[in-house]
Amino acid sequence: MDTTAVPPPLPTTRPVRLEGRLEPGLSRWLWLVKWLLLIPHFIVLVFLWIGFVLATIVAFFAILFTERYPQALFEYNLGVLRWSWRVSYYGYNALGTDRYPPFSLQEEPDYPAQLDVAEPGQLSRGLVLVKWWVLAIPHYIIIVAFTSGFWEGPGLLAMLVLIAGVALLFTTRYPKGLFDFAMGLNRWVIRVVAYAALMTDVYPPFRLDQGGSEPLI
């Protein structure tokens, strides 16, 4: 196994890590039909995300009474986030690979899209009552603009990826600047999702960390 494909250990100060390796030789036309190819994933993910919501509700009460996120629930929710990120990376949140995503809740070190959340120790009872709605509201406003926009039409992320797809269609090249920016938007969103899902007490930074790899600092 190529060990260079395995992401480095998660820094303790950065509990959420999202990475993507832009693969060379992307098809100029495959992105036009990925929505069709991903239908089986979308069907499975609907049920997985129902489970994600239910697991988060149970975790809410567990944290409230024990200050701990049940390990089995944490691993399940992390698996759903990993699966979703691989599908998003193959699909229309990045178009960063033509390798079909695996049907798996597990970490897939050889896949070019990686996501990890450090398992928390003791969590705050007080924060669990407010962080997923009051404290996260400023981030919700921002990520709505990223993902769906405040207007009738696609959000910023979708427009960037569409431009990248058109560039692939006519030039077979994915503009590096667009990829880095799209990764920054995805990274911001997933940090907020992990925080709102009670998986960490570390407040997401208001920062666009661009590029395929997490910043070192």
N, C-alpha and C. Protein backbone atom coordinates (compact mmCIF):
# COMPACT_ATOMS: atom_id res chain seq x y z
N MET A 1 0.85 -1.19 0.00
CA MET A 1 0.00 0.00 0.00
C MET A 1 0.88 1.24 0.00
N ASP A 2 0.45 2.22 -0.76
CA ASP A 2 1.21 3.47 -0.83
C ASP A 2 0.94 4.29 0.42
N THR A 3 1.91 4.35 1.31
CA THR A 3 1.71 5.06 2.58
C THR A 3 1.57 6.55 2.40
N THR A 4 1.99 7.07 1.26
CA THR A 4 1.87 8.52 1.04
C THR A 4 0.43 8.94 0.89
N ALA A 5 -0.47 7.96 0.60
CA ALA A 5 -1.88 8.29 0.44
C ALA A 5 -2.61 8.41 1.77
N VAL A 6 -1.96 7.95 2.84
CA VAL A 6 -2.58 7.98 4.15
C VAL A 6 -2.36 9.35 4.78
N PRO A 7 -3.41 10.04 5.23
CA PRO A 7 -3.25 11.38 5.79
C PRO A 7 -2.44 11.35 7.07
N PRO A 8 -1.78 12.46 7.40
CA PRO A 8 -0.99 12.52 8.62
C PRO A 8 -1.88 12.48 9.85
N PRO A 9 -1.32 12.20 11.04
CA PRO A 9 -2.13 12.17 12.26
C PRO A 9 -2.83 13.50 12.49
N LEU A 10 -4.02 13.40 13.04
CA LEU A 10 -4.84 14.59 13.28
C LEU A 10 -4.26 15.42 14.40
N PRO A 11 -3.94 16.71 14.18
CA PRO A 11 -3.46 17.56 15.26
C PRO A 11 -4.53 17.70 16.35
N THR A 12 -4.11 17.72 17.60
CA THR A 12 -5.07 17.80 18.71
C THR A 12 -5.82 19.13 18.71
N THR A 13 -5.21 20.17 18.17
CA THR A 13 -5.87 21.48 18.14
C THR A 13 -6.82 21.62 16.96
N ARG A 14 -6.87 20.64 16.07
CA ARG A 14 -7.72 20.71 14.89
C ARG A 14 -8.57 19.43 14.86
N PRO A 15 -9.69 19.42 15.56
CA PRO A 15 -10.42 18.16 15.72
C PRO A 15 -11.09 17.64 14.45
N VAL A 16 -11.33 18.52 13.48
CA VAL A 16 -11.98 18.10 12.24
C VAL A 16 -11.00 18.29 11.09
N ARG A 17 -10.78 17.22 10.35
CA ARG A 17 -9.88 17.29 9.21
C ARG A 17 -10.59 16.81 7.95
N LEU A 18 -10.56 17.63 6.92
CA LEU A 18 -11.13 17.27 5.62
C LEU A 18 -10.09 17.51 4.57
N GLU A 19 -9.82 16.50 3.74
CA GLU A 19 -8.79 16.61 2.72
C GLU A 19 -9.27 15.97 1.42
N GLY A 20 -8.67 16.41 0.33
CA GLY A 20 -8.97 15.84 -0.97
C GLY A 20 -7.77 15.96 -1.88
N ARG A 21 -7.48 14.90 -2.58
CA ARG A 21 -6.35 14.88 -3.51
C ARG A 21 -6.88 14.98 -4.94
N LEU A 22 -6.61 16.10 -5.60
CA LEU A 22 -7.07 16.30 -6.96
C LEU A 22 -6.32 15.35 -7.89
N GLU A 23 -7.05 14.45 -8.50
CA GLU A 23 -6.40 13.43 -9.32
C GLU A 23 -6.22 13.91 -10.76
N PRO A 24 -5.11 13.53 -11.36
CA PRO A 24 -4.85 13.94 -12.75
C PRO A 24 -5.69 13.11 -13.72
N GLY A 25 -5.78 13.60 -14.93
CA GLY A 25 -6.44 12.85 -15.99
C GLY A 25 -7.94 12.71 -15.82
N LEU A 26 -8.59 13.70 -15.23
CA LEU A 26 -10.04 13.63 -15.08
C LEU A 26 -10.74 13.64 -16.43
N SER A 27 -11.80 12.87 -16.54
CA SER A 27 -12.57 12.80 -17.79
C SER A 27 -13.23 14.14 -18.09
N ARG A 28 -13.23 14.49 -19.36
CA ARG A 28 -13.84 15.76 -19.73
C ARG A 28 -15.37 15.69 -19.72
N TRP A 29 -15.95 14.49 -19.77
CA TRP A 29 -17.40 14.38 -19.88
C TRP A 29 -18.07 13.63 -18.74
N LEU A 30 -17.33 12.84 -17.97
CA LEU A 30 -17.96 11.99 -16.96
C LEU A 30 -18.78 12.80 -15.95
N TRP A 31 -18.34 14.01 -15.64
CA TRP A 31 -19.05 14.81 -14.65
C TRP A 31 -20.49 15.11 -15.06
N LEU A 32 -20.76 15.03 -16.37
CA LEU A 32 -22.12 15.30 -16.85
C LEU A 32 -23.11 14.22 -16.43
N VAL A 33 -22.62 13.02 -16.13
CA VAL A 33 -23.52 11.91 -15.80
C VAL A 33 -23.31 11.38 -14.38
N LYS A 34 -22.45 12.03 -13.61
CA LYS A 34 -22.20 11.53 -12.25
C LYS A 34 -23.46 11.56 -11.39
N TRP A 35 -24.36 12.51 -11.64
CA TRP A 35 -25.61 12.55 -10.88
C TRP A 35 -26.37 11.24 -11.03
N LEU A 36 -26.31 10.65 -12.24
CA LEU A 36 -27.00 9.39 -12.49
C LEU A 36 -26.27 8.23 -11.82
N LEU A 37 -24.95 8.24 -11.92
CA LEU A 37 -24.16 7.17 -11.33
C LEU A 37 -24.26 7.15 -9.80
N LEU A 38 -24.54 8.31 -9.22
CA LEU A 38 -24.57 8.41 -7.77
C LEU A 38 -25.94 8.12 -7.16
N ILE A 39 -26.93 7.84 -7.97
CA ILE A 39 -28.28 7.59 -7.43
C ILE A 39 -28.28 6.49 -6.37
N PRO A 40 -27.59 5.35 -6.57
CA PRO A 40 -27.58 4.34 -5.49
C PRO A 40 -27.03 4.89 -4.17
N HIS A 41 -26.00 5.73 -4.25
CA HIS A 41 -25.46 6.34 -3.04
C HIS A 41 -26.48 7.27 -2.39
N PHE A 42 -27.15 8.06 -3.20
CA PHE A 42 -28.13 9.01 -2.66
C PHE A 42 -29.24 8.27 -1.90
N ILE A 43 -29.68 7.15 -2.45
CA ILE A 43 -30.74 6.37 -1.80
C ILE A 43 -30.27 5.87 -0.43
N VAL A 44 -29.06 5.30 -0.40
CA VAL A 44 -28.53 4.78 0.86
C VAL A 44 -28.31 5.91 1.85
N LEU A 45 -27.80 7.03 1.37
CA LEU A 45 -27.49 8.15 2.27
C LEU A 45 -28.74 8.75 2.91
N VAL A 46 -29.86 8.69 2.25
CA VAL A 46 -31.10 9.18 2.87
C VAL A 46 -31.34 8.43 4.18
N PHE A 47 -31.21 7.12 4.15
CA PHE A 47 -31.44 6.32 5.36
C PHE A 47 -30.30 6.49 6.37
N LEU A 48 -29.08 6.62 5.87
CA LEU A 48 -27.96 6.84 6.78
C LEU A 48 -28.10 8.16 7.52
N TRP A 49 -28.58 9.20 6.85
CA TRP A 49 -28.72 10.49 7.50
C TRP A 49 -29.91 10.53 8.46
N ILE A 50 -30.91 9.73 8.20
CA ILE A 50 -31.97 9.58 9.21
C ILE A 50 -31.37 8.98 10.47
N GLY A 51 -30.54 7.96 10.30
CA GLY A 51 -29.85 7.38 11.44
C GLY A 51 -28.92 8.36 12.11
N PHE A 52 -28.26 9.23 11.31
CA PHE A 52 -27.37 10.25 11.84
C PHE A 52 -28.12 11.19 12.78
N VAL A 53 -29.30 11.63 12.35
CA VAL A 53 -30.09 12.55 13.17
C VAL A 53 -30.53 11.86 14.46
N LEU A 54 -31.00 10.64 14.35
CA LEU A 54 -31.44 9.91 15.54
C LEU A 54 -30.28 9.66 16.50
N ALA A 55 -29.11 9.30 15.94
CA ALA A 55 -27.93 9.07 16.78
C ALA A 55 -27.50 10.35 17.49
N THR A 56 -27.63 11.49 16.80
CA THR A 56 -27.26 12.76 17.40
C THR A 56 -28.21 13.13 18.54
N ILE A 57 -29.49 12.81 18.39
CA ILE A 57 -30.45 13.09 19.46
C ILE A 57 -30.12 12.25 20.70
N VAL A 58 -29.82 10.98 20.49
CA VAL A 58 -29.44 10.12 21.61
C VAL A 58 -28.16 10.62 22.25
N ALA A 59 -27.19 11.03 21.40
CA ALA A 59 -25.92 11.55 21.92
C ALA A 59 -26.14 12.82 22.74
N PHE A 60 -27.09 13.64 22.34
CA PHE A 60 -27.42 14.86 23.08
C PHE A 60 -27.74 14.54 24.54
N PHE A 61 -28.61 13.58 24.75
CA PHE A 61 -28.99 13.23 26.12
C PHE A 61 -27.85 12.52 26.85
N ALA A 62 -27.08 11.73 26.11
CA ALA A 62 -25.94 11.06 26.75
C ALA A 62 -24.92 12.08 27.25
N ILE A 63 -24.65 13.10 26.43
CA ILE A 63 -23.70 14.15 26.83
C ILE A 63 -24.27 14.95 28.00
N LEU A 64 -25.56 15.21 27.94
CA LEU A 64 -26.21 16.01 28.99
C LEU A 64 -26.08 15.33 30.36
N PHE A 65 -26.15 14.00 30.38
CA PHE A 65 -26.13 13.30 31.66
C PHE A 65 -24.76 12.71 32.00
N THR A 66 -23.93 12.43 30.99
CA THR A 66 -22.65 11.75 31.27
C THR A 66 -21.43 12.54 30.80
N GLU A 67 -21.65 13.61 30.02
CA GLU A 67 -20.57 14.40 29.43
C GLU A 67 -19.72 13.59 28.45
N ARG A 68 -20.30 12.53 27.92
CA ARG A 68 -19.59 11.68 26.97
C ARG A 68 -20.45 11.43 25.74
N TYR A 69 -19.79 11.34 24.59
CA TYR A 69 -20.46 10.97 23.35
C TYR A 69 -20.30 9.46 23.20
N PRO A 70 -21.37 8.68 23.23
CA PRO A 70 -21.23 7.23 23.13
C PRO A 70 -20.39 6.82 21.93
N GLN A 71 -19.41 5.99 22.17
CA GLN A 71 -18.43 5.67 21.12
C GLN A 71 -19.09 5.07 19.88
N ALA A 72 -20.02 4.15 20.07
CA ALA A 72 -20.66 3.51 18.92
C ALA A 72 -21.41 4.54 18.07
N LEU A 73 -22.09 5.47 18.72
CA LEU A 73 -22.81 6.52 17.99
C LEU A 73 -21.85 7.45 17.28
N PHE A 74 -20.74 7.78 17.96
CA PHE A 74 -19.74 8.65 17.35
C PHE A 74 -19.17 8.00 16.09
N GLU A 75 -18.83 6.73 16.18
CA GLU A 75 -18.23 6.04 15.03
C GLU A 75 -19.23 5.93 13.89
N TYR A 76 -20.50 5.72 14.22
CA TYR A 76 -21.52 5.69 13.17
C TYR A 76 -21.63 7.04 12.47
N ASN A 77 -21.77 8.11 13.26
CA ASN A 77 -21.91 9.43 12.66
C ASN A 77 -20.68 9.83 11.87
N LEU A 78 -19.51 9.48 12.36
CA LEU A 78 -18.29 9.75 11.61
C LEU A 78 -18.30 8.99 10.30
N GLY A 79 -18.78 7.74 10.33
CA GLY A 79 -18.87 6.96 9.10
C GLY A 79 -19.80 7.58 8.08
N VAL A 80 -20.92 8.13 8.55
CA VAL A 80 -21.86 8.79 7.64
C VAL A 80 -21.21 10.02 7.02
N LEU A 81 -20.49 10.79 7.82
CA LEU A 81 -19.79 11.97 7.28
C LEU A 81 -18.74 11.56 6.26
N ARG A 82 -17.99 10.50 6.55
CA ARG A 82 -16.97 10.03 5.61
C ARG A 82 -17.61 9.59 4.29
N TRP A 83 -18.66 8.80 4.38
CA TRP A 83 -19.35 8.32 3.18
C TRP A 83 -19.86 9.52 2.38
N SER A 84 -20.49 10.46 3.06
CA SER A 84 -21.04 11.63 2.39
C SER A 84 -19.95 12.45 1.71
N TRP A 85 -18.80 12.61 2.39
CA TRP A 85 -17.72 13.39 1.81
C TRP A 85 -17.15 12.71 0.57
N ARG A 86 -17.00 11.39 0.58
CA ARG A 86 -16.50 10.71 -0.61
C ARG A 86 -17.45 10.89 -1.79
N VAL A 87 -18.76 10.79 -1.51
CA VAL A 87 -19.75 10.99 -2.57
C VAL A 87 -19.71 12.44 -3.07
N SER A 88 -19.61 13.38 -2.13
CA SER A 88 -19.56 14.80 -2.51
C SER A 88 -18.30 15.12 -3.32
N TYR A 89 -17.19 14.50 -2.94
CA TYR A 89 -15.93 14.78 -3.63
C TYR A 89 -15.96 14.23 -5.06
N TYR A 90 -16.52 13.04 -5.22
CA TYR A 90 -16.69 12.47 -6.56
C TYR A 90 -17.71 13.28 -7.36
N GLY A 91 -18.74 13.75 -6.65
CA GLY A 91 -19.83 14.45 -7.30
C GLY A 91 -19.65 15.95 -7.33
N TYR A 92 -20.73 16.65 -7.03
CA TYR A 92 -20.80 18.05 -7.40
C TYR A 92 -20.43 19.04 -6.30
N ASN A 93 -19.72 18.56 -5.28
CA ASN A 93 -19.11 19.47 -4.33
C ASN A 93 -17.64 19.70 -4.63
N ALA A 94 -17.08 18.89 -5.55
CA ALA A 94 -15.66 19.04 -5.86
C ALA A 94 -15.30 18.55 -7.26
N LEU A 95 -15.86 17.41 -7.70
CA LEU A 95 -15.45 16.77 -8.96
C LEU A 95 -13.95 16.46 -8.96
N GLY A 96 -13.43 16.11 -7.77
CA GLY A 96 -11.99 15.96 -7.65
C GLY A 96 -11.43 14.62 -8.05
N THR A 97 -12.30 13.64 -8.33
CA THR A 97 -11.85 12.32 -8.72
C THR A 97 -12.90 11.67 -9.60
N ASP A 98 -12.44 10.74 -10.43
CA ASP A 98 -13.35 9.91 -11.22
C ASP A 98 -13.45 8.50 -10.64
N ARG A 99 -12.82 8.25 -9.51
CA ARG A 99 -12.90 6.95 -8.85
C ARG A 99 -14.22 6.85 -8.09
N TYR A 100 -15.01 5.86 -8.45
CA TYR A 100 -16.34 5.73 -7.85
C TYR A 100 -16.20 5.49 -6.35
N PRO A 101 -16.97 6.21 -5.54
CA PRO A 101 -16.83 6.07 -4.08
C PRO A 101 -17.32 4.71 -3.59
N PRO A 102 -16.64 4.15 -2.60
CA PRO A 102 -17.07 2.87 -2.05
C PRO A 102 -18.30 3.02 -1.17
N PHE A 103 -19.08 1.95 -1.07
CA PHE A 103 -20.22 1.91 -0.16
C PHE A 103 -19.69 1.46 1.20
N SER A 104 -19.25 2.42 1.99
CA SER A 104 -18.56 2.06 3.23
C SER A 104 -18.67 3.17 4.25
N LEU A 105 -18.87 2.77 5.51
CA LEU A 105 -18.82 3.71 6.62
C LEU A 105 -17.42 3.81 7.21
N GLN A 106 -16.52 2.96 6.73
CA GLN A 106 -15.18 2.91 7.30
C GLN A 106 -14.25 3.91 6.63
N GLU A 107 -13.14 4.16 7.26
CA GLU A 107 -12.09 4.95 6.62
C GLU A 107 -11.54 4.17 5.44
N GLU A 108 -11.33 4.85 4.33
CA GLU A 108 -10.77 4.24 3.12
C GLU A 108 -9.49 4.99 2.77
N PRO A 109 -8.34 4.55 3.32
CA PRO A 109 -7.10 5.33 3.19
C PRO A 109 -6.65 5.54 1.74
N ASP A 110 -7.03 4.65 0.82
CA ASP A 110 -6.57 4.78 -0.56
C ASP A 110 -7.46 5.69 -1.40
N TYR A 111 -8.61 6.07 -0.86
CA TYR A 111 -9.49 6.94 -1.63
C TYR A 111 -8.99 8.38 -1.52
N PRO A 112 -9.10 9.17 -2.60
CA PRO A 112 -8.51 10.52 -2.58
C PRO A 112 -9.23 11.54 -1.72
N ALA A 113 -10.38 11.19 -1.14
CA ALA A 113 -11.10 12.10 -0.25
C ALA A 113 -11.10 11.52 1.16
N GLN A 114 -10.60 12.30 2.13
CA GLN A 114 -10.48 11.83 3.50
C GLN A 114 -11.17 12.80 4.46
N LEU A 115 -11.77 12.24 5.49
CA LEU A 115 -12.41 13.05 6.53
C LEU A 115 -12.20 12.35 7.86
N ASP A 116 -11.86 13.12 8.87
CA ASP A 116 -11.70 12.56 10.20
C ASP A 116 -12.13 13.58 11.24
N VAL A 117 -12.67 13.08 12.32
CA VAL A 117 -13.02 13.89 13.48
C VAL A 117 -12.43 13.20 14.70
N ALA A 118 -11.64 13.92 15.45
CA ALA A 118 -11.02 13.33 16.63
C ALA A 118 -12.11 12.99 17.65
N GLU A 119 -12.05 11.77 18.17
CA GLU A 119 -13.05 11.38 19.16
C GLU A 119 -12.88 12.21 20.42
N PRO A 120 -13.94 12.87 20.87
CA PRO A 120 -13.81 13.77 22.02
C PRO A 120 -13.74 12.99 23.32
N GLY A 121 -13.16 13.62 24.30
CA GLY A 121 -13.21 13.06 25.64
C GLY A 121 -14.43 13.61 26.35
N GLN A 122 -14.20 14.36 27.40
CA GLN A 122 -15.31 14.97 28.13
C GLN A 122 -15.86 16.16 27.36
N LEU A 123 -17.17 16.23 27.24
CA LEU A 123 -17.85 17.31 26.55
C LEU A 123 -18.66 18.13 27.55
N SER A 124 -18.88 19.39 27.21
CA SER A 124 -19.59 20.31 28.11
C SER A 124 -21.09 20.08 28.09
N ARG A 125 -21.67 19.92 29.29
CA ARG A 125 -23.12 19.83 29.39
C ARG A 125 -23.80 21.14 28.99
N GLY A 126 -23.18 22.26 29.36
CA GLY A 126 -23.77 23.55 29.02
C GLY A 126 -23.77 23.82 27.54
N LEU A 127 -22.65 23.53 26.87
CA LEU A 127 -22.56 23.80 25.44
C LEU A 127 -23.53 22.95 24.63
N VAL A 128 -23.76 21.72 25.08
CA VAL A 128 -24.63 20.84 24.30
C VAL A 128 -26.03 21.42 24.17
N LEU A 129 -26.41 22.31 25.09
CA LEU A 129 -27.74 22.91 25.05
C LEU A 129 -27.85 24.06 24.05
N VAL A 130 -26.73 24.65 23.69
CA VAL A 130 -26.80 25.88 22.89
C VAL A 130 -25.95 25.88 21.63
N LYS A 131 -24.95 25.01 21.56
CA LYS A 131 -24.00 25.17 20.45
C LYS A 131 -24.59 24.82 19.09
N TRP A 132 -25.54 23.86 19.06
CA TRP A 132 -26.07 23.40 17.79
C TRP A 132 -27.10 24.35 17.20
N TRP A 133 -27.54 25.34 17.98
CA TRP A 133 -28.48 26.31 17.40
C TRP A 133 -28.04 27.73 17.65
N VAL A 134 -27.92 28.19 18.90
CA VAL A 134 -27.57 29.59 19.15
C VAL A 134 -26.16 29.91 18.65
N LEU A 135 -25.18 29.17 19.12
CA LEU A 135 -23.79 29.50 18.80
C LEU A 135 -23.47 29.28 17.32
N ALA A 136 -24.13 28.35 16.69
CA ALA A 136 -23.82 28.02 15.30
C ALA A 136 -24.56 28.88 14.29
N ILE A 137 -25.49 29.74 14.74
CA ILE A 137 -26.29 30.53 13.81
C ILE A 137 -25.44 31.36 12.83
N PRO A 138 -24.39 32.07 13.29
CA PRO A 138 -23.60 32.83 12.31
C PRO A 138 -23.01 31.94 11.22
N HIS A 139 -22.58 30.74 11.59
CA HIS A 139 -22.03 29.82 10.60
C HIS A 139 -23.13 29.31 9.66
N TYR A 140 -24.32 29.06 10.19
CA TYR A 140 -25.42 28.60 9.34
C TYR A 140 -25.71 29.62 8.23
N ILE A 141 -25.69 30.87 8.58
CA ILE A 141 -25.96 31.91 7.59
C ILE A 141 -24.92 31.88 6.48
N ILE A 142 -23.67 31.69 6.87
CA ILE A 142 -22.59 31.66 5.89
C ILE A 142 -22.68 30.44 4.99
N ILE A 143 -22.91 29.27 5.58
CA ILE A 143 -22.90 28.05 4.76
C ILE A 143 -24.16 27.94 3.89
N VAL A 144 -25.23 28.61 4.27
CA VAL A 144 -26.38 28.66 3.36
C VAL A 144 -25.97 29.35 2.06
N ALA A 145 -25.21 30.43 2.17
CA ALA A 145 -24.72 31.11 0.97
C ALA A 145 -23.78 30.21 0.17
N PHE A 146 -22.97 29.42 0.88
CA PHE A 146 -22.05 28.52 0.19
C PHE A 146 -22.80 27.45 -0.60
N THR A 147 -23.83 26.89 0.01
CA THR A 147 -24.41 25.66 -0.53
C THR A 147 -25.69 25.87 -1.32
N SER A 148 -26.50 26.89 -0.96
CA SER A 148 -27.75 27.06 -1.69
C SER A 148 -28.01 28.49 -2.11
N GLY A 149 -27.29 29.43 -1.54
CA GLY A 149 -27.49 30.82 -1.90
C GLY A 149 -28.73 31.42 -1.25
N PHE A 150 -28.78 32.73 -1.24
CA PHE A 150 -29.95 33.44 -0.71
C PHE A 150 -30.85 33.90 -1.86
N TRP A 151 -30.64 33.31 -3.01
CA TRP A 151 -31.40 33.71 -4.18
C TRP A 151 -31.87 32.44 -4.87
N GLU A 152 -32.68 32.60 -5.90
CA GLU A 152 -33.14 31.45 -6.66
C GLU A 152 -32.02 31.03 -7.60
N GLY A 153 -31.38 29.94 -7.29
CA GLY A 153 -30.26 29.48 -8.09
C GLY A 153 -29.25 28.78 -7.22
N PRO A 154 -28.16 28.32 -7.80
CA PRO A 154 -27.16 27.57 -7.05
C PRO A 154 -26.37 28.46 -6.11
N GLY A 155 -25.79 27.84 -5.09
CA GLY A 155 -24.91 28.56 -4.19
C GLY A 155 -23.53 28.73 -4.78
N LEU A 156 -22.68 29.38 -4.03
CA LEU A 156 -21.33 29.68 -4.50
C LEU A 156 -20.56 28.41 -4.82
N LEU A 157 -20.64 27.41 -3.96
CA LEU A 157 -19.90 26.17 -4.18
C LEU A 157 -20.33 25.49 -5.47
N ALA A 158 -21.62 25.40 -5.69
CA ALA A 158 -22.13 24.76 -6.91
C ALA A 158 -21.68 25.51 -8.16
N MET A 159 -21.67 26.84 -8.09
CA MET A 159 -21.23 27.62 -9.26
C MET A 159 -19.76 27.40 -9.55
N LEU A 160 -18.93 27.35 -8.50
CA LEU A 160 -17.50 27.10 -8.70
C LEU A 160 -17.27 25.74 -9.35
N VAL A 161 -17.96 24.73 -8.86
CA VAL A 161 -17.77 23.38 -9.40
C VAL A 161 -18.30 23.30 -10.83
N LEU A 162 -19.39 24.00 -11.11
CA LEU A 162 -19.91 24.03 -12.48
C LEU A 162 -18.88 24.65 -13.43
N ILE A 163 -18.26 25.73 -13.01
CA ILE A 163 -17.22 26.36 -13.84
C ILE A 163 -16.07 25.39 -14.05
N ALA A 164 -15.69 24.66 -12.99
CA ALA A 164 -14.63 23.67 -13.12
C ALA A 164 -15.02 22.58 -14.11
N GLY A 165 -16.30 22.15 -14.07
CA GLY A 165 -16.76 21.13 -15.00
C GLY A 165 -16.71 21.60 -16.43
N VAL A 166 -17.10 22.84 -16.67
CA VAL A 166 -17.04 23.39 -18.03
C VAL A 166 -15.58 23.47 -18.49
N ALA A 167 -14.68 23.85 -17.58
CA ALA A 167 -13.26 23.89 -17.92
C ALA A 167 -12.76 22.50 -18.29
N LEU A 168 -13.19 21.48 -17.55
CA LEU A 168 -12.80 20.11 -17.89
C LEU A 168 -13.33 19.72 -19.27
N LEU A 169 -14.55 20.10 -19.54
CA LEU A 169 -15.19 19.73 -20.81
C LEU A 169 -14.42 20.27 -22.01
N PHE A 170 -13.93 21.50 -21.89
CA PHE A 170 -13.32 22.13 -23.05
C PHE A 170 -11.79 22.09 -23.03
N THR A 171 -11.19 21.90 -21.86
CA THR A 171 -9.72 21.95 -21.79
C THR A 171 -9.10 20.71 -21.16
N THR A 172 -9.92 19.83 -20.57
CA THR A 172 -9.48 18.66 -19.79
C THR A 172 -8.62 19.06 -18.59
N ARG A 173 -8.70 20.30 -18.16
CA ARG A 173 -7.93 20.77 -17.01
C ARG A 173 -8.87 21.32 -15.94
N TYR A 174 -8.55 21.01 -14.71
CA TYR A 174 -9.30 21.53 -13.56
C TYR A 174 -8.51 22.70 -12.99
N PRO A 175 -9.02 23.93 -13.09
CA PRO A 175 -8.27 25.08 -12.58
C PRO A 175 -7.93 24.92 -11.10
N LYS A 176 -6.65 24.96 -10.77
CA LYS A 176 -6.20 24.70 -9.41
C LYS A 176 -6.81 25.70 -8.42
N GLY A 177 -6.92 26.95 -8.81
CA GLY A 177 -7.48 27.95 -7.91
C GLY A 177 -8.93 27.65 -7.55
N LEU A 178 -9.71 27.18 -8.52
CA LEU A 178 -11.10 26.82 -8.25
C LEU A 178 -11.18 25.63 -7.30
N PHE A 179 -10.31 24.65 -7.53
CA PHE A 179 -10.30 23.48 -6.65
C PHE A 179 -9.97 23.88 -5.21
N ASP A 180 -8.94 24.68 -5.04
CA ASP A 180 -8.53 25.09 -3.69
C ASP A 180 -9.64 25.85 -2.99
N PHE A 181 -10.31 26.73 -3.72
CA PHE A 181 -11.39 27.52 -3.13
C PHE A 181 -12.57 26.63 -2.76
N ALA A 182 -12.93 25.70 -3.66
CA ALA A 182 -14.03 24.78 -3.37
C ALA A 182 -13.72 23.92 -2.15
N MET A 183 -12.47 23.50 -2.01
CA MET A 183 -12.09 22.71 -0.84
C MET A 183 -12.23 23.54 0.43
N GLY A 184 -11.89 24.81 0.36
CA GLY A 184 -12.05 25.68 1.51
C GLY A 184 -13.50 25.79 1.95
N LEU A 185 -14.41 25.91 0.98
CA LEU A 185 -15.83 25.99 1.30
C LEU A 185 -16.32 24.68 1.92
N ASN A 186 -15.93 23.56 1.32
CA ASN A 186 -16.32 22.26 1.87
C ASN A 186 -15.78 22.07 3.29
N ARG A 187 -14.56 22.51 3.50
CA ARG A 187 -13.93 22.36 4.82
C ARG A 187 -14.70 23.17 5.87
N TRP A 188 -15.09 24.37 5.51
CA TRP A 188 -15.87 25.22 6.42
C TRP A 188 -17.18 24.53 6.78
N VAL A 189 -17.88 24.01 5.76
CA VAL A 189 -19.18 23.37 5.99
C VAL A 189 -19.05 22.17 6.91
N ILE A 190 -18.07 21.30 6.66
CA ILE A 190 -17.99 20.07 7.45
C ILE A 190 -17.58 20.37 8.89
N ARG A 191 -16.80 21.40 9.11
CA ARG A 191 -16.47 21.78 10.49
C ARG A 191 -17.73 22.18 11.25
N VAL A 192 -18.61 22.92 10.58
CA VAL A 192 -19.85 23.35 11.22
C VAL A 192 -20.77 22.15 11.45
N VAL A 193 -20.84 21.25 10.49
CA VAL A 193 -21.69 20.07 10.65
C VAL A 193 -21.23 19.24 11.85
N ALA A 194 -19.93 19.02 11.98
CA ALA A 194 -19.42 18.24 13.10
C ALA A 194 -19.70 18.93 14.43
N TYR A 195 -19.58 20.25 14.46
CA TYR A 195 -19.86 21.01 15.68
C TYR A 195 -21.35 20.93 16.03
N ALA A 196 -22.21 21.12 15.03
CA ALA A 196 -23.65 21.09 15.27
C ALA A 196 -24.13 19.70 15.64
N ALA A 197 -23.40 18.67 15.19
CA ALA A 197 -23.75 17.29 15.53
C ALA A 197 -23.16 16.88 16.87
N LEU A 198 -22.62 17.84 17.61
CA LEU A 198 -22.13 17.65 18.99
C LEU A 198 -20.88 16.81 19.06
N MET A 199 -20.16 16.64 17.95
CA MET A 199 -19.00 15.76 17.91
C MET A 199 -17.73 16.43 18.43
N THR A 200 -17.80 17.72 18.66
CA THR A 200 -16.66 18.46 19.20
C THR A 200 -17.17 19.72 19.90
N ASP A 201 -16.44 20.18 20.89
CA ASP A 201 -16.75 21.45 21.55
C ASP A 201 -15.91 22.60 20.98
N VAL A 202 -15.02 22.31 20.07
CA VAL A 202 -14.16 23.34 19.49
C VAL A 202 -14.94 24.13 18.45
N TYR A 203 -15.10 25.43 18.71
CA TYR A 203 -15.91 26.26 17.81
C TYR A 203 -15.23 26.38 16.45
N PRO A 204 -16.00 26.21 15.36
CA PRO A 204 -15.39 26.30 14.02
C PRO A 204 -14.84 27.70 13.76
N PRO A 205 -13.66 27.80 13.18
CA PRO A 205 -13.10 29.13 12.89
C PRO A 205 -13.81 29.78 11.73
N PHE A 206 -13.88 31.09 11.75
CA PHE A 206 -14.38 31.85 10.60
C PHE A 206 -13.19 32.07 9.66
N ARG A 207 -12.84 31.01 8.97
CA ARG A 207 -11.62 31.05 8.17
C ARG A 207 -11.77 30.11 6.98
N LEU A 208 -11.37 30.57 5.81
CA LEU A 208 -11.44 29.77 4.60
C LEU A 208 -10.07 29.14 4.37
N ASP A 209 -9.89 27.93 4.86
CA ASP A 209 -8.61 27.22 4.68
C ASP A 209 -8.67 26.49 3.35
N GLN A 210 -8.06 27.08 2.35
CA GLN A 210 -8.14 26.55 1.00
C GLN A 210 -7.10 25.45 0.77
N GLY A 211 -7.29 24.71 -0.30
CA GLY A 211 -6.33 23.68 -0.69
C GLY A 211 -6.80 22.29 -0.33
N GLY A 212 -6.15 21.31 -0.94
CA GLY A 212 -6.54 19.93 -0.72
C GLY A 212 -6.19 19.40 0.65
N SER A 213 -5.15 19.94 1.27
CA SER A 213 -4.71 19.45 2.57
C SER A 213 -5.04 20.46 3.66
N GLU A 214 -5.26 19.95 4.85
CA GLU A 214 -5.46 20.83 6.00
C GLU A 214 -4.20 21.66 6.24
N PRO A 215 -4.36 22.94 6.61
CA PRO A 215 -3.18 23.75 6.93
C PRO A 215 -2.44 23.17 8.13
N LEU A 216 -1.15 23.38 8.18
CA LEU A 216 -0.33 22.84 9.25
C LEU A 216 -0.51 23.61 10.55
N ILE A 217 -0.95 24.87 10.46
CA ILE A 217 -1.14 25.68 11.66
C ILE A 217 -2.54 26.24 11.69
